[in-house]
Amino acid sequence: MAKVTSQDLGQEPIGKLLIKQAVPASIGILVMSLNILIDTIFVGNWIGANAIAAINVVLPVSFFIAALGMAIGVGGSSIISRALGADNTPKALKTFGNQLTLTFLFTISFAVFGLLFVDTLIPAFGGKGNIFAPAKIYYEIILYGVPVLGFVMMGNNVIRAEGKPKFAMYAMMIPSVGNLLFDYIFINILDWGMAGAAWATTGSYIVSFIFILWFFLSKNSELKIDFSHFALNKEIVSEIGSLGFVTLARQAVVSVTFLLVNNALFNYGGETSITAYAIVGRMMMFVLFPVFGITQGFIPIAGYNYGAEQFARVKEVIYTAIKYATVLGTIVFIGLMVFPEVITKWFTGDADVIRITPNNMRLAFAAVPILAVQLVGAAYFQAVGKAIPALILTLTRQAIFFIPLMFILPVFYGELGIWIAFPISDVLSTIVTYYFLKREVKLKLETA
C-alpha cells in the first residue's frame, strides 16, 4: 500500500495548512453552490417561479437521504483521521470498508421508501396547490439518483480525511459543471421542463460517482481495501453511528425546518413566500461557501492532531479557523445587506417575489458575522470524536432555538416572526457554542 502522506496534517504550520485544506474545500463548495444557484436561476427563468418553489419542496427529502451518506462519511472520516494520526492504518481501512457497506444499505432503503410514499410526502413538505404537480415530477426522478449522491457525499469526506483536499474539490466541481451543461441541454434545448431539471441533477450525481470511484481505485488513494473490510464490525459501526448521527441529525433538522417553514409561509403568504424562502435558502448555500470551506478544512487537521495528541496544534487551528471564517463571514454580510434586490432579480422577474424577498434576505442573514464560532465549535467536537457535545451544539441553531421561535414569534408578528427567528437563533446558538468550546479548550487542550 502507498505510503501515508496524511502526516503533513501533523507537521506543516497551522496557518499554511488550514489555507491548503480550506481553499480547495471552499472552491468545491463555491462551485457546488454556484451550480445550485444557477440551476435555480435557469429553472426560474426557463420554467417559472412555481418551479423554484417545487424544487424547494423536494429538497428536504433528497437532502435527508443524501445526508445518510454524508453522516457515514463524516463519522467514519473522523475515525480515519484519528487512526492515521495514531499510525493505525488497519483501523482506517476497516472503517472505510464499513462506510461503503453502510452507505449502500441505508441509502437504497430510504430511497425506496421515499418513492413508495411520494403522494404523502410532497404535500407534507409544502407541495400544495400549483406546486404539487411540478414537485412530483422533480421528486421522483431525483430520488433515483439520491443513493448515488449518498456515495458521493461519503467518499468526498473520506478523500478529505486522507489529506487530499484537491481531489475532494474536483469531486465537487465536476458534477456541478455537468449539471449546468445538462440543464442547458435538457431544459433549454430539449424543453423537458421539470423533468429536464431533475435529470440534469441526477446525471450530475452519476458523473461525480464515477470520478470518486476512479480516485479510490487509482494510486492517488492510500486506502486500498479488500473484501474482508466490507464485513461490518460492531465497534466501528457504533463509532461511525455515534459521530455520524450528529451530521444526520443536523440534516434531518434541516429537512424538518424546510417542511415547517414551507408550510408556515404557505399559510401566511402562499406560493410567493415559499419562492422567497427558496431564493434565500439558495443564497445561504452560496454566500457562506468560504465559511463552510474553512470548517471543512479545519476538521481533518483537528482530528489528526487530536489523535496524535498534539493539543497545542489543535488549539491553534481552532482559533485560526474562527478568525479566518469571521473575516470572510463579515464580507459576505456586507454584500448581502447592500445588494439583496439585485440578487433577487437574478432568480426571477416575478414582481411579487422581487417585492418581498430583499428585506427577508437581510433578516435571515443578519447574524452571519458571528456564525464562525458556532460552525467551527460544533465541528471541533465531531472531529475529535466527542459525539454528545457535537450533537447538542449541532442542534442548537435550528432544533433547539429556531423551530420553537418559528412557532412562537408569528403569533405576535405574523410572517415577519418566521424571518426574525433566523438571526435570533443564530445569536443564541453561538453563545452556547462559545461557552462549551471555551470550556473544552481550558480543560482539555491547555492542561494536557
Protein backbone atom coordinates (compact mmCIF):
# COMPACT_ATOMS: atom_id res chain seq x y z
CA MET A 1 0.00 0.00 0.00
CA ALA A 2 1.14 3.52 -0.72
CA LYS A 3 2.95 5.39 2.00
CA VAL A 4 0.63 7.50 4.15
CA THR A 5 1.20 11.15 3.26
CA SER A 6 -1.50 12.45 5.58
CA GLN A 7 1.31 13.03 8.11
CA ASP A 8 1.53 16.56 6.71
CA LEU A 9 -1.58 17.30 8.80
CA GLY A 10 0.56 16.99 11.92
CA GLN A 11 3.68 18.77 10.67
CA GLU A 12 3.00 21.81 8.48
CA PRO A 13 2.42 25.26 10.05
CA ILE A 14 -1.23 25.64 11.02
CA GLY A 15 -1.97 28.82 9.07
CA LYS A 16 -0.47 27.45 5.86
CA LEU A 17 -2.06 24.04 6.41
CA LEU A 18 -5.54 25.46 7.03
CA ILE A 19 -5.36 27.52 3.85
CA LYS A 20 -4.09 24.48 1.95
CA GLN A 21 -7.04 22.43 3.22
CA ALA A 22 -9.69 25.15 3.19
CA VAL A 23 -9.10 26.73 -0.24
CA PRO A 24 -9.88 23.56 -2.23
CA ALA A 25 -12.84 22.87 0.07
CA SER A 26 -14.07 26.44 -0.42
CA ILE A 27 -13.67 26.26 -4.19
CA GLY A 28 -15.51 22.95 -4.26
CA ILE A 29 -18.35 24.34 -2.15
CA LEU A 30 -18.38 27.52 -4.25
CA VAL A 31 -18.73 25.60 -7.49
CA MET A 32 -21.37 23.33 -5.98
CA SER A 33 -23.23 26.34 -4.60
CA LEU A 34 -22.95 28.18 -7.92
CA ASN A 35 -24.39 25.09 -9.52
CA ILE A 36 -27.39 25.20 -7.17
CA LEU A 37 -27.70 28.95 -7.63
CA ILE A 38 -27.52 28.94 -11.42
CA ASP A 39 -29.69 25.84 -11.58
CA THR A 40 -32.36 27.76 -9.66
CA ILE A 41 -31.93 30.80 -11.93
CA PHE A 42 -32.32 28.58 -15.01
CA VAL A 43 -35.40 26.91 -13.58
CA GLY A 44 -36.96 30.21 -12.52
CA ASN A 45 -36.40 31.88 -15.88
CA TRP A 46 -36.94 28.92 -18.22
CA ILE A 47 -39.81 27.18 -16.38
CA GLY A 48 -41.32 29.66 -13.89
CA ALA A 49 -41.48 30.87 -10.29
CA ASN A 50 -43.55 27.86 -9.14
CA ALA A 51 -40.75 25.59 -10.38
CA ILE A 52 -38.38 27.22 -7.86
CA ALA A 53 -40.89 26.56 -5.09
CA ALA A 54 -41.33 22.96 -6.31
CA ILE A 55 -37.59 22.25 -6.07
CA ASN A 56 -37.53 23.77 -2.58
CA VAL A 57 -40.29 21.38 -1.53
CA VAL A 58 -38.33 18.34 -2.76
CA LEU A 59 -35.02 19.37 -1.17
CA PRO A 60 -35.82 18.14 2.39
CA VAL A 61 -36.41 14.56 1.25
CA SER A 62 -33.43 14.33 -1.09
CA PHE A 63 -31.22 16.16 1.44
CA PHE A 64 -32.10 13.71 4.18
CA ILE A 65 -31.33 10.60 2.12
CA ALA A 66 -28.12 12.15 0.79
CA ALA A 67 -27.33 13.10 4.40
CA LEU A 68 -27.16 9.41 5.26
CA GLY A 69 -24.10 9.18 3.03
CA MET A 70 -22.69 12.39 4.43
CA ALA A 71 -23.26 11.21 8.02
CA ILE A 72 -21.49 7.92 7.37
CA GLY A 73 -18.74 9.84 5.58
CA VAL A 74 -18.19 12.40 8.34
CA GLY A 75 -18.45 9.86 11.17
CA GLY A 76 -16.07 7.43 9.51
CA SER A 77 -13.70 10.16 8.38
CA SER A 78 -13.27 11.33 11.96
CA ILE A 79 -12.16 7.79 12.82
CA ILE A 80 -9.90 7.60 9.76
CA SER A 81 -8.19 10.94 10.53
CA ARG A 82 -7.53 9.96 14.15
CA ALA A 83 -6.43 6.45 13.15
CA LEU A 84 -3.93 7.83 10.64
CA GLY A 85 -2.71 10.31 13.27
CA ALA A 86 -2.16 7.40 15.67
CA ASP A 87 -0.46 5.34 12.89
CA ASN A 88 -3.27 2.75 12.94
CA THR A 89 -3.75 2.15 9.21
CA PRO A 90 -5.64 -1.20 9.59
CA LYS A 91 -8.41 0.56 11.51
CA ALA A 92 -8.61 3.24 8.83
CA LEU A 93 -9.03 0.59 6.13
CA LYS A 94 -11.67 -1.34 8.07
CA THR A 95 -13.57 1.87 8.72
CA PHE A 96 -13.65 2.77 5.04
CA GLY A 97 -14.94 -0.69 4.09
CA ASN A 98 -17.68 -0.43 6.71
CA GLN A 99 -18.63 3.01 5.39
CA LEU A 100 -19.23 1.59 1.92
CA THR A 101 -21.43 -1.20 3.25
CA LEU A 102 -23.50 1.10 5.45
CA THR A 103 -23.98 3.68 2.71
CA PHE A 104 -25.30 1.05 0.31
CA LEU A 105 -27.75 -0.43 2.80
CA PHE A 106 -29.20 2.82 4.12
CA THR A 107 -29.45 4.99 1.02
CA ILE A 108 -31.13 2.30 -1.08
CA SER A 109 -33.63 1.51 1.68
CA PHE A 110 -34.66 5.12 2.22
CA ALA A 111 -34.84 5.90 -1.49
CA VAL A 112 -37.29 3.02 -1.97
CA PHE A 113 -39.33 4.25 1.00
CA GLY A 114 -39.38 7.78 -0.41
CA LEU A 115 -40.67 6.57 -3.78
CA LEU A 116 -43.42 4.45 -2.22
CA PHE A 117 -44.88 7.39 -0.30
CA VAL A 118 -44.41 10.17 -2.86
CA ASP A 119 -48.03 11.39 -2.76
CA THR A 120 -47.94 11.73 1.02
CA LEU A 121 -44.51 13.28 1.42
CA ILE A 122 -44.80 16.07 -1.17
CA PRO A 123 -47.88 17.76 0.37
CA ALA A 124 -46.39 17.26 3.84
CA PHE A 125 -43.37 19.29 2.79
CA GLY A 126 -45.44 22.15 1.43
CA GLY A 127 -46.04 20.88 -2.10
CA LYS A 128 -49.64 22.03 -2.32
CA GLY A 129 -51.75 23.88 -4.83
CA ASN A 130 -49.98 24.69 -8.07
CA ILE A 131 -46.68 23.44 -6.63
CA PHE A 132 -47.70 19.76 -6.32
CA ALA A 133 -47.52 18.68 -9.98
CA PRO A 134 -44.03 20.05 -10.81
CA ALA A 135 -42.74 18.95 -7.40
CA LYS A 136 -43.85 15.35 -8.03
CA ILE A 137 -42.13 15.25 -11.43
CA TYR A 138 -38.89 16.56 -9.94
CA TYR A 139 -39.09 14.39 -6.81
CA GLU A 140 -39.49 11.00 -8.50
CA ILE A 141 -36.56 11.49 -10.85
CA ILE A 142 -34.27 12.96 -8.19
CA LEU A 143 -34.79 10.00 -5.86
CA TYR A 144 -33.36 7.63 -8.48
CA GLY A 145 -30.04 9.47 -8.18
CA VAL A 146 -30.01 10.19 -4.45
CA PRO A 147 -28.38 6.85 -3.46
CA VAL A 148 -25.55 7.69 -5.86
CA LEU A 149 -25.28 11.10 -4.19
CA GLY A 150 -25.04 9.30 -0.84
CA PHE A 151 -21.89 7.50 -2.05
CA VAL A 152 -20.54 10.79 -3.39
CA MET A 153 -21.01 12.59 -0.06
CA MET A 154 -19.46 9.71 1.86
CA GLY A 155 -16.49 9.36 -0.49
CA ASN A 156 -15.79 13.08 -0.57
CA ASN A 157 -15.32 13.17 3.22
CA VAL A 158 -13.01 10.16 3.12
CA ILE A 159 -10.87 11.80 0.42
CA ARG A 160 -10.53 14.86 2.66
CA ALA A 161 -9.66 12.66 5.67
CA GLU A 162 -6.77 11.24 3.64
CA GLY A 163 -5.39 14.76 3.36
CA LYS A 164 -6.23 15.08 -0.36
CA PRO A 165 -8.30 18.29 -0.49
CA LYS A 166 -7.69 18.94 -4.20
CA PHE A 167 -9.32 15.67 -5.21
CA ALA A 168 -12.22 16.39 -2.86
CA MET A 169 -12.54 19.75 -4.63
CA TYR A 170 -12.60 18.07 -8.05
CA ALA A 171 -15.28 15.66 -6.82
CA MET A 172 -17.50 18.66 -6.06
CA MET A 173 -16.65 20.68 -9.15
CA ILE A 174 -17.10 18.04 -11.85
CA PRO A 175 -20.79 17.27 -11.21
CA SER A 176 -21.57 20.96 -10.70
CA VAL A 177 -20.29 21.86 -14.15
CA GLY A 178 -22.02 18.80 -15.56
CA ASN A 179 -25.34 19.79 -14.02
CA LEU A 180 -25.27 23.21 -15.67
CA LEU A 181 -24.42 21.66 -19.03
CA PHE A 182 -27.25 19.13 -18.63
CA ASP A 183 -29.60 21.95 -17.57
CA TYR A 184 -28.93 23.82 -20.78
CA ILE A 185 -29.45 20.72 -22.91
CA PHE A 186 -32.45 19.20 -21.14
CA ILE A 187 -34.38 22.38 -20.28
CA ASN A 188 -33.42 24.99 -22.86
CA ILE A 189 -32.77 22.85 -25.94
CA LEU A 190 -34.90 19.73 -25.44
CA ASP A 191 -37.62 21.59 -23.49
CA TRP A 192 -38.14 18.81 -20.94
CA GLY A 193 -39.26 21.28 -18.25
CA MET A 194 -39.15 20.00 -14.66
CA ALA A 195 -38.16 16.53 -15.85
CA GLY A 196 -35.15 18.09 -17.58
CA ALA A 197 -34.11 19.90 -14.39
CA ALA A 198 -34.39 16.65 -12.44
CA TRP A 199 -32.48 14.53 -14.96
CA ALA A 200 -29.74 17.17 -15.12
CA THR A 201 -29.25 16.90 -11.35
CA THR A 202 -29.41 13.10 -11.33
CA GLY A 203 -26.94 12.91 -14.21
CA SER A 204 -24.52 15.14 -12.31
CA TYR A 205 -24.63 12.76 -9.33
CA ILE A 206 -23.63 9.88 -11.60
CA VAL A 207 -20.71 11.86 -13.07
CA SER A 208 -19.42 12.63 -9.58
CA PHE A 209 -19.76 8.99 -8.50
CA ILE A 210 -17.67 7.83 -11.47
CA PHE A 211 -14.89 10.28 -10.56
CA ILE A 212 -14.80 9.25 -6.89
CA LEU A 213 -14.79 5.56 -7.84
CA TRP A 214 -11.81 6.25 -10.10
CA PHE A 215 -9.98 8.04 -7.27
CA PHE A 216 -10.24 5.15 -4.83
CA LEU A 217 -9.21 2.60 -7.47
CA SER A 218 -6.24 4.70 -8.57
CA LYS A 219 -2.82 5.17 -6.98
CA ASN A 220 -3.95 8.53 -5.60
CA SER A 221 -5.80 6.92 -2.71
CA GLU A 222 -3.99 5.47 0.28
CA LEU A 223 -6.99 3.37 1.35
CA LYS A 224 -6.65 0.13 -0.59
CA ILE A 225 -9.30 -2.19 0.83
CA ASP A 226 -10.26 -5.79 0.10
CA PHE A 227 -13.50 -7.76 0.58
CA SER A 228 -12.71 -8.51 4.24
CA HIS A 229 -13.09 -4.81 5.07
CA PHE A 230 -16.74 -4.78 3.94
CA ALA A 231 -17.87 -7.06 6.78
CA LEU A 232 -19.44 -4.87 9.45
CA ASN A 233 -17.50 -4.51 12.69
CA LYS A 234 -19.70 -3.77 15.72
CA GLU A 235 -17.23 -1.39 17.38
CA ILE A 236 -16.53 0.59 14.20
CA VAL A 237 -20.19 0.74 13.19
CA SER A 238 -21.07 2.01 16.66
CA GLU A 239 -18.44 4.75 16.46
CA ILE A 240 -19.45 5.72 12.91
CA GLY A 241 -23.04 5.79 14.07
CA SER A 242 -22.46 7.93 17.14
CA LEU A 243 -20.40 10.50 15.25
CA GLY A 244 -22.35 10.29 12.01
CA PHE A 245 -25.61 10.73 13.88
CA VAL A 246 -24.53 14.29 14.56
CA THR A 247 -24.44 15.05 10.82
CA LEU A 248 -27.59 13.03 10.16
CA ALA A 249 -29.45 14.81 12.96
CA ARG A 250 -28.36 18.18 11.57
CA GLN A 251 -29.56 17.30 8.08
CA ALA A 252 -32.76 15.78 9.44
CA VAL A 253 -33.43 19.01 11.28
CA VAL A 254 -32.73 20.92 8.05
CA SER A 255 -35.35 18.78 6.33
CA VAL A 256 -37.85 19.29 9.15
CA THR A 257 -37.12 23.01 9.10
CA PHE A 258 -37.86 23.15 5.36
CA LEU A 259 -41.11 21.29 5.98
CA LEU A 260 -42.22 23.60 8.78
CA VAL A 261 -41.14 26.85 7.13
CA ASN A 262 -42.63 25.91 3.76
CA ASN A 263 -45.97 25.11 5.38
CA ALA A 264 -45.94 28.18 7.62
CA LEU A 265 -45.04 30.52 4.77
CA PHE A 266 -47.68 28.93 2.53
CA ASN A 267 -50.28 29.70 5.19
CA TYR A 268 -49.13 33.33 5.56
CA GLY A 269 -48.16 34.25 2.01
CA GLY A 270 -48.82 31.35 -0.39
CA GLU A 271 -46.53 30.29 -3.22
CA THR A 272 -44.82 33.70 -3.36
CA SER A 273 -43.48 33.40 0.19
CA ILE A 274 -42.24 29.86 -0.44
CA THR A 275 -40.40 31.10 -3.54
CA ALA A 276 -38.80 33.89 -1.48
CA TYR A 277 -37.64 31.30 1.06
CA ALA A 278 -36.26 29.14 -1.76
CA ILE A 279 -34.16 32.08 -3.00
CA VAL A 280 -32.91 32.89 0.50
CA GLY A 281 -32.08 29.22 1.04
CA ARG A 282 -30.04 29.09 -2.15
CA MET A 283 -28.12 32.18 -1.08
CA MET A 284 -27.36 30.57 2.30
CA MET A 285 -25.70 27.70 0.46
CA PHE A 286 -23.86 30.03 -1.90
CA VAL A 287 -22.61 33.02 0.06
CA LEU A 288 -21.40 31.08 3.09
CA PHE A 289 -19.10 28.89 0.98
CA PRO A 290 -15.86 30.39 2.39
CA VAL A 291 -17.05 29.86 5.97
CA PHE A 292 -18.07 26.27 5.23
CA GLY A 293 -14.77 25.78 3.40
CA ILE A 294 -12.80 26.86 6.47
CA THR A 295 -14.86 24.46 8.59
CA GLN A 296 -14.29 21.57 6.16
CA GLY A 297 -10.57 22.28 6.05
CA PHE A 298 -10.45 22.51 9.84
CA ILE A 299 -11.94 19.06 10.55
CA PRO A 300 -9.15 16.72 9.31
CA ILE A 301 -6.45 18.94 10.86
CA ALA A 302 -8.14 18.95 14.26
CA GLY A 303 -8.91 15.22 14.10
CA TYR A 304 -5.42 14.16 13.04
CA ASN A 305 -3.60 16.28 15.64
CA TYR A 306 -6.00 15.24 18.38
CA GLY A 307 -5.31 11.60 17.52
CA ALA A 308 -1.57 12.36 17.60
CA GLU A 309 -2.04 14.16 20.99
CA GLN A 310 -0.60 17.40 19.61
CA PHE A 311 -3.07 19.50 21.57
CA ALA A 312 -1.26 22.81 21.13
CA ARG A 313 -1.79 22.46 17.37
CA VAL A 314 -5.46 21.62 17.92
CA LYS A 315 -5.93 24.80 19.96
CA GLU A 316 -4.11 26.85 17.35
CA VAL A 317 -6.23 25.55 14.48
CA ILE A 318 -9.45 26.32 16.41
CA TYR A 319 -8.53 29.97 16.86
CA THR A 320 -7.12 30.32 13.35
CA ALA A 321 -10.23 28.81 11.76
CA ILE A 322 -12.56 31.09 13.74
CA LYS A 323 -10.51 34.16 12.83
CA TYR A 324 -10.42 33.38 9.11
CA ALA A 325 -14.09 32.41 8.96
CA THR A 326 -15.24 35.51 10.85
CA VAL A 327 -13.47 37.84 8.44
CA LEU A 328 -14.96 36.05 5.43
CA GLY A 329 -18.42 35.95 7.02
CA THR A 330 -18.33 39.69 7.60
CA ILE A 331 -17.50 40.34 3.95
CA VAL A 332 -20.43 38.15 2.92
CA PHE A 333 -22.71 40.00 5.34
CA ILE A 334 -21.87 43.40 3.84
CA GLY A 335 -22.63 42.19 0.32
CA LEU A 336 -26.00 40.77 1.32
CA MET A 337 -27.05 43.89 3.16
CA VAL A 338 -26.20 46.13 0.18
CA PHE A 339 -27.38 44.10 -2.84
CA PRO A 340 -30.44 41.95 -1.93
CA GLU A 341 -32.64 43.49 -4.66
CA VAL A 342 -30.07 42.78 -7.36
CA ILE A 343 -29.65 39.21 -6.10
CA THR A 344 -33.40 38.56 -6.11
CA LYS A 345 -33.72 39.72 -9.71
CA TRP A 346 -31.16 37.11 -10.78
CA PHE A 347 -33.70 34.41 -9.95
CA THR A 348 -36.99 35.73 -11.23
CA GLY A 349 -38.85 38.60 -12.86
CA ASP A 350 -41.96 37.97 -10.74
CA ALA A 351 -42.88 41.36 -9.24
CA ASP A 352 -44.36 39.95 -6.02
CA VAL A 353 -41.29 37.83 -5.31
CA ILE A 354 -38.98 40.79 -6.02
CA ARG A 355 -41.04 42.93 -3.66
CA ILE A 356 -40.90 40.69 -0.56
CA THR A 357 -37.56 38.84 -0.85
CA PRO A 358 -34.89 41.56 -0.24
CA ASN A 359 -35.92 42.57 3.29
CA ASN A 360 -36.46 38.94 4.26
CA MET A 361 -32.98 38.15 2.96
CA ARG A 362 -31.49 40.89 5.14
CA LEU A 363 -33.25 39.49 8.19
CA ALA A 364 -32.21 35.89 7.53
CA PHE A 365 -28.52 36.83 7.20
CA ALA A 366 -28.35 39.45 9.96
CA ALA A 367 -26.16 37.34 12.28
CA VAL A 368 -23.75 35.91 9.66
CA PRO A 369 -20.61 37.65 11.05
CA ILE A 370 -20.73 35.63 14.29
CA LEU A 371 -21.61 32.24 12.80
CA ALA A 372 -17.97 31.13 12.59
CA VAL A 373 -17.84 30.40 16.31
CA GLN A 374 -20.92 28.17 16.10
CA LEU A 375 -19.85 26.26 12.99
CA VAL A 376 -16.20 25.71 13.95
CA GLY A 377 -17.11 24.93 17.56
CA ALA A 378 -19.61 22.22 16.64
CA ALA A 379 -17.20 20.82 14.02
CA TYR A 380 -14.39 20.56 16.60
CA PHE A 381 -16.28 18.16 18.86
CA GLN A 382 -17.21 15.99 15.89
CA ALA A 383 -13.63 15.99 14.58
CA VAL A 384 -12.20 14.76 17.90
CA GLY A 385 -14.83 12.06 18.40
CA LYS A 386 -16.97 13.65 21.12
CA ALA A 387 -20.40 12.80 19.81
CA ILE A 388 -22.67 14.09 22.60
CA PRO A 389 -21.45 17.72 22.75
CA ALA A 390 -21.16 17.71 18.94
CA LEU A 391 -24.80 16.63 18.69
CA ILE A 392 -26.01 19.21 21.20
CA LEU A 393 -24.17 22.09 19.56
CA THR A 394 -25.20 21.00 16.07
CA LEU A 395 -28.86 21.01 17.07
CA THR A 396 -28.86 24.29 18.99
CA ARG A 397 -29.14 26.51 15.94
CA GLN A 398 -32.23 25.00 14.33
CA ALA A 399 -33.83 22.33 16.53
CA ILE A 400 -33.39 23.92 19.95
CA PHE A 401 -33.82 27.59 19.05
CA PHE A 402 -35.11 28.19 15.51
CA ILE A 403 -38.04 25.76 15.39
CA PRO A 404 -39.59 26.87 18.72
CA LEU A 405 -39.06 30.53 17.78
CA MET A 406 -40.69 29.89 14.40
CA PHE A 407 -43.87 28.79 16.19
CA ILE A 408 -43.83 31.46 18.90
CA LEU A 409 -42.88 34.65 17.04
CA PRO A 410 -45.52 34.51 14.25
CA VAL A 411 -48.21 34.59 16.93
CA PHE A 412 -47.10 38.16 17.65
CA TYR A 413 -45.54 39.30 14.36
CA GLY A 414 -47.15 37.18 11.63
CA GLU A 415 -44.90 36.19 8.71
CA LEU A 416 -42.22 38.60 9.97
CA GLY A 417 -41.84 36.37 13.02
CA ILE A 418 -40.64 33.48 10.84
CA TRP A 419 -37.92 35.61 9.29
CA ILE A 420 -36.62 37.17 12.51
CA ALA A 421 -36.34 33.69 14.02
CA PHE A 422 -33.27 33.14 11.80
CA PRO A 423 -30.91 35.76 13.32
CA ILE A 424 -32.18 35.27 16.87
CA SER A 425 -31.47 31.53 16.75
CA ASP A 426 -28.02 32.23 15.24
CA VAL A 427 -27.10 34.52 18.12
CA LEU A 428 -28.36 32.18 20.83
CA SER A 429 -26.64 29.10 19.37
CA THR A 430 -23.35 30.99 19.01
CA ILE A 431 -23.44 31.98 22.69
CA VAL A 432 -23.99 28.37 23.77
CA THR A 433 -21.25 27.06 21.46
CA TYR A 434 -18.77 29.65 22.70
CA TYR A 435 -19.32 28.51 26.28
CA PHE A 436 -18.75 24.82 25.51
CA LEU A 437 -15.76 25.46 23.26
CA LYS A 438 -14.04 27.77 25.75
CA ARG A 439 -14.58 25.19 28.50
CA GLU A 440 -13.12 22.41 26.32
CA VAL A 441 -10.02 24.41 25.44
CA LYS A 442 -9.38 25.24 29.09
CA LEU A 443 -9.96 21.73 30.49
CA LYS A 444 -8.53 19.56 27.71
CA LEU A 445 -6.22 21.43 25.38
CA GLU A 446 -4.47 23.75 27.83
CA THR A 447 -3.99 21.22 30.66
CA ALA A 448 -2.97 18.17 28.61
